[in-house]
Amino acid sequence: MRGTFEASVILLDDLWDGEFRQFVTGEYAAAIPARDMLAFCDSSSADGIAELQRIIERVQPTGGHLLTKTIYVRRDSKWQRRAV
């Protein structure tokens, strides 16, 4: 992606259903604070969720091509806003 469209990977179901499955045992949680960033963890990991929030907070004040401050959870092959 060359640092431009990493966030768009969130749309590739095959990666979440296959390749990335080795890293998460439950549901995914993901952050896409800017177009060149995507971070994810197991949604049941308090440390992982805290790190996603830190990433968002670090990028949002001065980052370029900002997208969202929302953390999303993948349920039934669909991304939803994470309930706070």
C-alpha atoms as a PDB file:
ATOM      1  CA  MET A   1       0.000   0.000   0.000  1.00  0.00           C
ATOM      2  CA  ARG A   2       3.073   2.208   0.292  1.00  0.00           C
ATOM      3  CA  GLY A   3       1.738   4.142   3.250  1.00  0.00           C
ATOM      4  CA  THR A   4      -1.314   5.501   1.482  1.00  0.00           C
ATOM      5  CA  PHE A   5      -4.366   3.271   1.774  1.00  0.00           C
ATOM      6  CA  GLU A   6      -3.713   0.826   4.621  1.00  0.00           C
ATOM      7  CA  ALA A   7      -7.078   1.701   6.179  1.00  0.00           C
ATOM      8  CA  SER A   8      -8.842   0.258   3.137  1.00  0.00           C
ATOM      9  CA  VAL A   9      -7.702  -3.223   4.215  1.00  0.00           C
ATOM     10  CA  ILE A  10     -10.635  -3.119   6.623  1.00  0.00           C
ATOM     11  CA  LEU A  11     -12.835  -3.844   3.572  1.00  0.00           C
ATOM     12  CA  LEU A  12     -11.051  -7.070   2.558  1.00  0.00           C
ATOM     13  CA  ASP A  13     -13.096  -9.864   4.144  1.00  0.00           C
ATOM     14  CA  ASP A  14     -10.733 -12.596   2.938  1.00  0.00           C
ATOM     15  CA  LEU A  15      -7.894 -11.182   5.055  1.00  0.00           C
ATOM     16  CA  TRP A  16     -10.021 -10.990   8.208  1.00  0.00           C
ATOM     17  CA  ASP A  17     -11.524 -14.435   7.673  1.00  0.00           C
ATOM     18  CA  GLY A  18      -8.193 -16.026   6.755  1.00  0.00           C
ATOM     19  CA  GLU A  19      -4.757 -14.448   7.035  1.00  0.00           C
ATOM     20  CA  PHE A  20      -5.381 -12.276  10.111  1.00  0.00           C
ATOM     21  CA  ARG A  21      -7.285 -14.985  12.016  1.00  0.00           C
ATOM     22  CA  GLN A  22      -4.010 -16.330  13.436  1.00  0.00           C
ATOM     23  CA  PHE A  23      -3.594 -13.137  15.479  1.00  0.00           C
ATOM     24  CA  VAL A  24      -7.043 -12.962  17.106  1.00  0.00           C
ATOM     25  CA  THR A  25      -9.081 -15.711  18.748  1.00  0.00           C
ATOM     26  CA  GLY A  26     -12.374 -13.838  19.197  1.00  0.00           C
ATOM     27  CA  GLU A  27     -13.843 -10.812  17.507  1.00  0.00           C
ATOM     28  CA  TYR A  28     -11.605  -8.191  15.967  1.00  0.00           C
ATOM     29  CA  ALA A  29     -11.370  -4.611  17.169  1.00  0.00           C
ATOM     30  CA  ALA A  30      -9.798  -2.150  14.748  1.00  0.00           C
ATOM     31  CA  ALA A  31      -8.859   1.500  14.466  1.00  0.00           C
ATOM     32  CA  ILE A  32      -8.385   3.435  11.236  1.00  0.00           C
ATOM     33  CA  PRO A  33      -7.470   6.932  12.449  1.00  0.00           C
ATOM     34  CA  ALA A  34      -5.943   7.959   9.100  1.00  0.00           C
ATOM     35  CA  ARG A  35      -5.872   6.573   5.580  1.00  0.00           C
ATOM     36  CA  ASP A  36      -2.358   5.195   6.048  1.00  0.00           C
ATOM     37  CA  MET A  37      -3.048   3.430   9.358  1.00  0.00           C
ATOM     38  CA  LEU A  38      -4.871   0.324  10.476  1.00  0.00           C
ATOM     39  CA  ALA A  39      -4.349  -1.345  13.837  1.00  0.00           C
ATOM     40  CA  PHE A  40      -6.282  -4.260  15.284  1.00  0.00           C
ATOM     41  CA  CYS A  41      -6.479  -6.582  18.270  1.00  0.00           C
ATOM     42  CA  ASP A  42      -8.790  -9.093  19.893  1.00  0.00           C
ATOM     43  CA  SER A  43     -11.837  -7.160  21.077  1.00  0.00           C
ATOM     44  CA  SER A  44     -11.674  -8.904  24.465  1.00  0.00           C
ATOM     45  CA  SER A  45      -8.166  -7.556  25.153  1.00  0.00           C
ATOM     46  CA  ALA A  46      -8.328  -4.544  27.486  1.00  0.00           C
ATOM     47  CA  ASP A  47      -4.649  -3.832  26.765  1.00  0.00           C
ATOM     48  CA  GLY A  48      -5.276  -4.057  23.021  1.00  0.00           C
ATOM     49  CA  ILE A  49      -8.256  -1.682  23.162  1.00  0.00           C
ATOM     50  CA  ALA A  50      -6.233   0.750  25.276  1.00  0.00           C
ATOM     51  CA  GLU A  51      -3.426   0.654  22.689  1.00  0.00           C
ATOM     52  CA  LEU A  52      -5.886   1.310  19.844  1.00  0.00           C
ATOM     53  CA  GLN A  53      -7.159   4.330  21.782  1.00  0.00           C
ATOM     54  CA  ARG A  54      -3.582   5.588  22.315  1.00  0.00           C
ATOM     55  CA  ILE A  55      -2.888   5.250  18.594  1.00  0.00           C
ATOM     56  CA  ILE A  56      -6.002   7.270  17.777  1.00  0.00           C
ATOM     57  CA  GLU A  57      -5.115   9.964  20.310  1.00  0.00           C
ATOM     58  CA  ARG A  58      -1.553  10.183  19.011  1.00  0.00           C
ATOM     59  CA  VAL A  59      -2.579  10.545  15.348  1.00  0.00           C
ATOM     60  CA  GLN A  60      -5.681  12.746  15.550  1.00  0.00           C
ATOM     61  CA  PRO A  61      -4.225  16.090  16.699  1.00  0.00           C
ATOM     62  CA  THR A  62      -1.715  16.528  13.891  1.00  0.00           C
ATOM     63  CA  GLY A  63      -2.102  13.634  11.460  1.00  0.00           C
ATOM     64  CA  GLY A  64      -2.808  13.977   7.777  1.00  0.00           C
ATOM     65  CA  HIS A  65      -5.710  12.420   5.881  1.00  0.00           C
ATOM     66  CA  LEU A  66      -7.629  11.714   9.080  1.00  0.00           C
ATOM     67  CA  LEU A  67     -10.573   9.316   9.011  1.00  0.00           C
ATOM     68  CA  THR A  68     -12.176   8.500  12.369  1.00  0.00           C
ATOM     69  CA  LYS A  69     -11.630   8.324  16.127  1.00  0.00           C
ATOM     70  CA  THR A  70     -13.961   5.328  16.352  1.00  0.00           C
ATOM     71  CA  ILE A  71     -12.896   1.815  17.291  1.00  0.00           C
ATOM     72  CA  TYR A  72     -14.821  -0.789  15.305  1.00  0.00           C
ATOM     73  CA  VAL A  73     -15.637  -4.410  16.162  1.00  0.00           C
ATOM     74  CA  ARG A  74     -16.172  -7.074  13.504  1.00  0.00           C
ATOM     75  CA  ARG A  75     -19.244  -9.213  14.158  1.00  0.00           C
ATOM     76  CA  ASP A  76     -20.811 -11.599  11.673  1.00  0.00           C
ATOM     77  CA  SER A  77     -18.472 -10.311   8.943  1.00  0.00           C
ATOM     78  CA  LYS A  78     -19.616  -6.710   9.475  1.00  0.00           C
ATOM     79  CA  TRP A  79     -17.833  -3.800  11.137  1.00  0.00           C
ATOM     80  CA  GLN A  80     -19.777  -1.975  13.858  1.00  0.00           C
ATOM     81  CA  ARG A  81     -18.935   0.886  16.190  1.00  0.00           C
ATOM     82  CA  ARG A  82     -17.584  -0.473  19.444  1.00  0.00           C
ATOM     83  CA  ALA A  83     -19.896   0.224  22.357  1.00  0.00           C
ATOM     84  CA  VAL A  84     -18.107   2.305  24.949  1.00  0.00           C
END
